[in-house]
Structures are given as structure tokens and as C-alpha cells.
Amino acid sequence: MFDIGGLELLVIGVVALIVVGPKDLPGMFRTVGRMTGKAKAMARDFQRAMSDAADDTGMKDMNTDLRKIMNPKSMGIDAVKDATKDWVAPHLKESPNAAPGTETAKLAEERRIAAEKIRQRTAEAALARQTAAAEAQENADSEAATQTAETTPAEVAPADTTSPSTEEKSV
């Protein structure tokens, strides 16, 4: 705030010593220090109150969002991504801009064929699993049906609840 150097402080001290006198000088410096401390405390309280008011209204969140938006680094990266998005994406897929007969075109064709083989194998394995599960379910259903057909009500003996238990027989 104030740009006061060592020489200026020395001049102020000498003038204060002459005007106030050596007896009252420490009391004056103590009073000036207290007043300075109170002024700083009031400024700190005011700043804290303003900061709290800004937080309550959401200004702090808006401020951080605006700082993120206006960050030149993120703006530059987003601009580069947008500029290269249309150029990079086709080259990653099948490289349609590659001239026929070049190594790039051959590699792209090999990748496409390998991906198609993997898709076929995956589809065949899924179909085989579905078929095996359906056959297992049919076998389980037919076995359950044959067991219930072979068992007749006459073969099933009713439970005898009137027979004595093994402990009663041994007595």
C-alpha cells in the first residue's frame, strides 16, 4: 500500500522523537500499532463478510466455472480436438483415404478381416451355447416326464404313522 523505505522510517522516527519526546514515544507507537491492528481486523472482517455473501449467492461457483471456461489451455486443447476430430476418426476405422495397394490399405483390410472373423467366432460360440442349453433343458424335461410316468400311485407306499419307533421296540 505505502511504499516506505528504511530512510523514510528513520526520518519519521527522528521527527516523532523531537515532536512527542522520548518519554511519550513508546506509548504513541503502542497506540499507533493498536489502531493499525484494529483497521486490519476490520478490513479482514469486511472481506470475510463479502466472501460469505458471494458464497451464499453462488457467485463463487460461477466464478470458478467462468475461470475454467476462459482458461486458455483448455480452450486450445478443445480447439485442437475439434479441428482434428473429423480427420483422425476415419483413419482409425478403415483408413478410407489410403491409396489402394499401399501398406496402410493392406493393414486396414487385414484388420477388417480379423475383426470379421472374431465376430463370426463369437456368434458361433453363442449359438452353440444356446443350442447346448436348449438340449440340456429338453433332456431334463423328458427325464422328469418319464420318471413321473413310470411311478404310479400304487407303487408309492403311504407313510405308516402308527408303527412304533425303534426306541419303543427295543424296550
C-alpha atoms as a PDB file:
ATOM      1  CA  MET A   1       0.000   0.000   0.000  1.00  0.00           C
ATOM      2  CA  PHE A   2       2.508   2.591   1.152  1.00  0.00           C
ATOM      3  CA  ASP A   3       5.989   2.366  -0.252  1.00  0.00           C
ATOM      4  CA  ILE A   4       8.060   3.433   2.741  1.00  0.00           C
ATOM      5  CA  GLY A   5      11.749   2.571   2.789  1.00  0.00           C
ATOM      6  CA  GLY A   6      14.286   2.476   5.623  1.00  0.00           C
ATOM      7  CA  LEU A   7      15.386   6.089   5.183  1.00  0.00           C
ATOM      8  CA  GLU A   8      11.787   7.364   5.378  1.00  0.00           C
ATOM      9  CA  LEU A   9      11.179   5.384   8.561  1.00  0.00           C
ATOM     10  CA  LEU A  10      14.322   6.865  10.102  1.00  0.00           C
ATOM     11  CA  VAL A  11      13.180  10.426   9.284  1.00  0.00           C
ATOM     12  CA  ILE A  12       9.684   9.746  10.717  1.00  0.00           C
ATOM     13  CA  GLY A  13      11.268   8.294  13.905  1.00  0.00           C
ATOM     14  CA  VAL A  14      13.536  11.342  14.398  1.00  0.00           C
ATOM     15  CA  VAL A  15      10.645  13.798  13.833  1.00  0.00           C
ATOM     16  CA  ALA A  16       8.420  11.822  16.225  1.00  0.00           C
ATOM     17  CA  LEU A  17      11.200  11.818  18.837  1.00  0.00           C
ATOM     18  CA  ILE A  18      11.569  15.586  18.564  1.00  0.00           C
ATOM     19  CA  VAL A  19       7.805  16.382  18.488  1.00  0.00           C
ATOM     20  CA  VAL A  20       6.492  13.854  21.048  1.00  0.00           C
ATOM     21  CA  GLY A  21       9.553  13.490  23.199  1.00  0.00           C
ATOM     22  CA  PRO A  22      11.438  10.436  24.400  1.00  0.00           C
ATOM     23  CA  LYS A  23       9.154   9.900  27.410  1.00  0.00           C
ATOM     24  CA  ASP A  24       5.850   9.543  25.486  1.00  0.00           C
ATOM     25  CA  LEU A  25       7.269   7.917  22.303  1.00  0.00           C
ATOM     26  CA  PRO A  26       6.728   4.222  23.309  1.00  0.00           C
ATOM     27  CA  GLY A  27       3.105   4.929  24.296  1.00  0.00           C
ATOM     28  CA  MET A  28       2.484   6.653  20.958  1.00  0.00           C
ATOM     29  CA  PHE A  29       3.949   3.742  18.974  1.00  0.00           C
ATOM     30  CA  ARG A  30       1.825   1.322  21.023  1.00  0.00           C
ATOM     31  CA  THR A  31      -1.322   3.363  20.252  1.00  0.00           C
ATOM     32  CA  VAL A  32      -0.481   3.564  16.541  1.00  0.00           C
ATOM     33  CA  GLY A  33       0.133  -0.226  16.481  1.00  0.00           C
ATOM     34  CA  ARG A  34      -3.242  -0.912  18.129  1.00  0.00           C
ATOM     35  CA  MET A  35      -5.051   1.363  15.681  1.00  0.00           C
ATOM     36  CA  THR A  36      -3.309  -0.345  12.749  1.00  0.00           C
ATOM     37  CA  GLY A  37      -4.255  -3.784  14.122  1.00  0.00           C
ATOM     38  CA  LYS A  38      -7.911  -2.721  14.546  1.00  0.00           C
ATOM     39  CA  ALA A  39      -8.002  -1.349  10.981  1.00  0.00           C
ATOM     40  CA  LYS A  40      -6.579  -4.633   9.627  1.00  0.00           C
ATOM     41  CA  ALA A  41      -9.092  -6.669  11.677  1.00  0.00           C
ATOM     42  CA  MET A  42     -11.983  -4.540  10.351  1.00  0.00           C
ATOM     43  CA  ALA A  43     -10.744  -4.980   6.768  1.00  0.00           C
ATOM     44  CA  ARG A  44     -10.435  -8.740   7.307  1.00  0.00           C
ATOM     45  CA  ASP A  45     -13.990  -8.939   8.736  1.00  0.00           C
ATOM     46  CA  PHE A  46     -15.372  -6.915   5.853  1.00  0.00           C
ATOM     47  CA  GLN A  47     -13.607  -9.113   3.307  1.00  0.00           C
ATOM     48  CA  ARG A  48     -14.858 -12.285   5.050  1.00  0.00           C
ATOM     49  CA  ALA A  49     -18.444 -10.930   5.112  1.00  0.00           C
ATOM     50  CA  MET A  50     -18.299 -10.111   1.406  1.00  0.00           C
ATOM     51  CA  SER A  51     -16.864 -13.546   0.630  1.00  0.00           C
ATOM     52  CA  ASP A  52     -19.635 -15.240   2.637  1.00  0.00           C
ATOM     53  CA  ALA A  53     -22.274 -13.191   0.829  1.00  0.00           C
ATOM     54  CA  ALA A  54     -20.769 -14.182  -2.518  1.00  0.00           C
ATOM     55  CA  ASP A  55     -20.782 -17.853  -1.468  1.00  0.00           C
ATOM     56  CA  ASP A  56     -24.448 -17.637  -0.434  1.00  0.00           C
ATOM     57  CA  THR A  57     -25.486 -16.236  -3.800  1.00  0.00           C
ATOM     58  CA  GLY A  58     -23.452 -18.766  -5.780  1.00  0.00           C
ATOM     59  CA  MET A  59     -21.026 -16.246  -7.190  1.00  0.00           C
ATOM     60  CA  LYS A  60     -18.045 -18.357  -6.144  1.00  0.00           C
ATOM     61  CA  ASP A  61     -19.273 -21.322  -8.187  1.00  0.00           C
ATOM     62  CA  MET A  62     -19.961 -19.075 -11.153  1.00  0.00           C
ATOM     63  CA  ASN A  63     -16.511 -17.549 -10.798  1.00  0.00           C
ATOM     64  CA  THR A  64     -14.796 -20.959 -10.843  1.00  0.00           C
ATOM     65  CA  ASP A  65     -16.893 -22.044 -13.842  1.00  0.00           C
ATOM     66  CA  LEU A  66     -16.001 -18.881 -15.735  1.00  0.00           C
ATOM     67  CA  ARG A  67     -12.325 -19.349 -14.909  1.00  0.00           C
ATOM     68  CA  LYS A  68     -12.474 -22.913 -16.267  1.00  0.00           C
ATOM     69  CA  ILE A  69     -14.211 -21.778 -19.426  1.00  0.00           C
ATOM     70  CA  MET A  70     -11.816 -18.900 -20.025  1.00  0.00           C
ATOM     71  CA  ASN A  71      -8.681 -20.963 -19.320  1.00  0.00           C
ATOM     72  CA  PRO A  72      -6.559 -20.562 -22.463  1.00  0.00           C
ATOM     73  CA  LYS A  73      -5.024 -24.018 -22.072  1.00  0.00           C
ATOM     74  CA  SER A  74      -8.371 -25.801 -22.110  1.00  0.00           C
ATOM     75  CA  MET A  75      -9.608 -23.595 -24.934  1.00  0.00           C
ATOM     76  CA  GLY A  76      -6.557 -24.503 -27.007  1.00  0.00           C
ATOM     77  CA  ILE A  77      -6.890 -28.232 -26.359  1.00  0.00           C
ATOM     78  CA  ASP A  78     -10.610 -28.193 -27.167  1.00  0.00           C
ATOM     79  CA  ALA A  79      -9.939 -26.323 -30.392  1.00  0.00           C
ATOM     80  CA  VAL A  80      -7.283 -28.855 -31.407  1.00  0.00           C
ATOM     81  CA  LYS A  81      -9.611 -31.770 -30.605  1.00  0.00           C
ATOM     82  CA  ASP A  82     -12.429 -30.215 -32.622  1.00  0.00           C
ATOM     83  CA  ALA A  83     -10.142 -29.483 -35.553  1.00  0.00           C
ATOM     84  CA  THR A  84      -8.675 -32.992 -35.683  1.00  0.00           C
ATOM     85  CA  LYS A  85     -11.836 -34.955 -34.803  1.00  0.00           C
ATOM     86  CA  ASP A  86     -13.047 -35.266 -38.396  1.00  0.00           C
ATOM     87  CA  TRP A  87      -9.570 -36.044 -39.701  1.00  0.00           C
ATOM     88  CA  VAL A  88      -8.485 -38.640 -37.112  1.00  0.00           C
ATOM     89  CA  ALA A  89     -11.686 -40.705 -36.759  1.00  0.00           C
ATOM     90  CA  PRO A  90     -11.828 -42.061 -40.336  1.00  0.00           C
ATOM     91  CA  HIS A  91      -8.149 -43.029 -40.272  1.00  0.00           C
ATOM     92  CA  LEU A  92      -8.654 -45.026 -37.116  1.00  0.00           C
ATOM     93  CA  LYS A  93     -11.579 -47.005 -38.536  1.00  0.00           C
ATOM     94  CA  GLU A  94     -10.760 -48.235 -42.014  1.00  0.00           C
ATOM     95  CA  SER A  95      -8.472 -45.618 -43.468  1.00  0.00           C
ATOM     96  CA  PRO A  96     -10.680 -44.751 -46.471  1.00  0.00           C
ATOM     97  CA  ASN A  97      -8.267 -42.102 -47.670  1.00  0.00           C
ATOM     98  CA  ALA A  98      -5.439 -44.610 -48.087  1.00  0.00           C
ATOM     99  CA  ALA A  99      -4.494 -45.251 -51.673  1.00  0.00           C
ATOM    100  CA  PRO A 100      -5.233 -48.803 -52.868  1.00  0.00           C
ATOM    101  CA  GLY A 101      -2.201 -51.055 -52.848  1.00  0.00           C
ATOM    102  CA  THR A 102      -0.340 -49.161 -50.125  1.00  0.00           C
ATOM    103  CA  GLU A 103       0.755 -50.733 -46.855  1.00  0.00           C
ATOM    104  CA  THR A 104      -1.810 -48.677 -44.970  1.00  0.00           C
ATOM    105  CA  ALA A 105      -4.635 -50.018 -47.121  1.00  0.00           C
ATOM    106  CA  LYS A 106      -3.359 -53.594 -46.722  1.00  0.00           C
ATOM    107  CA  LEU A 107      -3.168 -53.251 -42.950  1.00  0.00           C
ATOM    108  CA  ALA A 108      -6.653 -51.772 -42.810  1.00  0.00           C
ATOM    109  CA  GLU A 109      -8.020 -54.684 -44.854  1.00  0.00           C
ATOM    110  CA  GLU A 110      -6.249 -57.224 -42.612  1.00  0.00           C
ATOM    111  CA  ARG A 111      -7.723 -55.565 -39.524  1.00  0.00           C
ATOM    112  CA  ARG A 112     -11.195 -55.599 -41.059  1.00  0.00           C
ATOM    113  CA  ILE A 113     -10.899 -59.318 -41.930  1.00  0.00           C
ATOM    114  CA  ALA A 114      -9.584 -60.185 -38.450  1.00  0.00           C
ATOM    115  CA  ALA A 115     -12.424 -58.282 -36.812  1.00  0.00           C
ATOM    116  CA  GLU A 116     -14.983 -60.071 -39.015  1.00  0.00           C
ATOM    117  CA  LYS A 117     -13.502 -63.475 -38.075  1.00  0.00           C
ATOM    118  CA  ILE A 118     -13.711 -62.610 -34.387  1.00  0.00           C
ATOM    119  CA  ARG A 119     -17.351 -61.556 -34.816  1.00  0.00           C
ATOM    120  CA  GLN A 120     -18.145 -64.841 -36.590  1.00  0.00           C
ATOM    121  CA  ARG A 121     -16.446 -66.955 -33.912  1.00  0.00           C
ATOM    122  CA  THR A 122     -18.249 -65.090 -31.157  1.00  0.00           C
ATOM    123  CA  ALA A 123     -21.616 -65.551 -32.886  1.00  0.00           C
ATOM    124  CA  GLU A 124     -20.943 -69.284 -33.473  1.00  0.00           C
ATOM    125  CA  ALA A 125     -19.933 -69.799 -29.835  1.00  0.00           C
ATOM    126  CA  ALA A 126     -23.055 -68.024 -28.605  1.00  0.00           C
ATOM    127  CA  LEU A 127     -25.247 -70.123 -30.908  1.00  0.00           C
ATOM    128  CA  ALA A 128     -23.536 -73.319 -29.689  1.00  0.00           C
ATOM    129  CA  ARG A 129     -24.123 -72.327 -26.061  1.00  0.00           C
ATOM    130  CA  GLN A 130     -27.789 -71.613 -26.757  1.00  0.00           C
ATOM    131  CA  THR A 131     -28.214 -74.951 -28.552  1.00  0.00           C
ATOM    132  CA  ALA A 132     -26.497 -76.886 -25.754  1.00  0.00           C
ATOM    133  CA  ALA A 133     -28.620 -75.165 -23.117  1.00  0.00           C
ATOM    134  CA  ALA A 134     -31.822 -75.910 -25.049  1.00  0.00           C
ATOM    135  CA  GLU A 135     -30.851 -79.590 -25.481  1.00  0.00           C
ATOM    136  CA  ALA A 136     -29.992 -79.893 -21.790  1.00  0.00           C
ATOM    137  CA  GLN A 137     -33.348 -78.393 -20.859  1.00  0.00           C
ATOM    138  CA  GLU A 138     -35.179 -80.776 -23.221  1.00  0.00           C
ATOM    139  CA  ASN A 139     -33.316 -83.773 -21.767  1.00  0.00           C
ATOM    140  CA  ALA A 140     -34.124 -82.707 -18.225  1.00  0.00           C
ATOM    141  CA  ASP A 141     -37.791 -82.206 -19.123  1.00  0.00           C
ATOM    142  CA  SER A 142     -38.035 -85.597 -20.857  1.00  0.00           C
ATOM    143  CA  GLU A 143     -36.338 -87.411 -17.949  1.00  0.00           C
ATOM    144  CA  ALA A 144     -38.700 -85.775 -15.470  1.00  0.00           C
ATOM    145  CA  ALA A 145     -41.667 -86.761 -17.635  1.00  0.00           C
ATOM    146  CA  THR A 146     -40.533 -90.405 -17.929  1.00  0.00           C
ATOM    147  CA  GLN A 147     -39.926 -90.666 -14.182  1.00  0.00           C
ATOM    148  CA  THR A 148     -43.372 -89.356 -13.356  1.00  0.00           C
ATOM    149  CA  ALA A 149     -44.955 -91.656 -15.949  1.00  0.00           C
ATOM    150  CA  GLU A 150     -43.145 -94.752 -14.586  1.00  0.00           C
ATOM    151  CA  THR A 151     -44.140 -94.020 -11.000  1.00  0.00           C
ATOM    152  CA  THR A 152     -47.778 -94.889 -10.354  1.00  0.00           C
ATOM    153  CA  PRO A 153     -49.793 -94.097  -7.261  1.00  0.00           C
ATOM    154  CA  ALA A 154     -49.928 -97.808  -6.296  1.00  0.00           C
ATOM    155  CA  GLU A 155     -46.157 -98.017  -6.126  1.00  0.00           C
ATOM    156  CA  VAL A 156     -45.927 -95.143  -3.721  1.00  0.00           C
ATOM    157  CA  ALA A 157     -46.382 -96.568  -0.215  1.00  0.00           C
ATOM    158  CA  PRO A 158     -48.202 -94.394   2.236  1.00  0.00           C
ATOM    159  CA  ALA A 159     -46.256 -93.400   5.304  1.00  0.00           C
ATOM    160  CA  ASP A 160     -47.120 -95.571   8.302  1.00  0.00           C
ATOM    161  CA  THR A 161     -47.610 -93.308  11.239  1.00  0.00           C
ATOM    162  CA  THR A 162     -48.950 -95.956  13.604  1.00  0.00           C
ATOM    163  CA  SER A 163     -45.822 -98.123  13.747  1.00  0.00           C
ATOM    164  CA  PRO A 164     -43.813 -97.810  16.912  1.00  0.00           C
ATOM    165  CA  SER A 165     -40.481 -96.079  16.779  1.00  0.00           C
ATOM    166  CA  THR A 166     -37.234 -98.021  17.091  1.00  0.00           C
ATOM    167  CA  GLU A 167     -36.783 -96.917  20.678  1.00  0.00           C
ATOM    168  CA  GLU A 168     -40.141 -98.365  21.692  1.00  0.00           C
ATOM    169  CA  LYS A 169     -39.341-101.715  20.020  1.00  0.00           C
ATOM    170  CA  SER A 170     -36.066-102.115  21.885  1.00  0.00           C
ATOM    171  CA  VAL A 171     -37.675-101.703  25.305  1.00  0.00           C
END
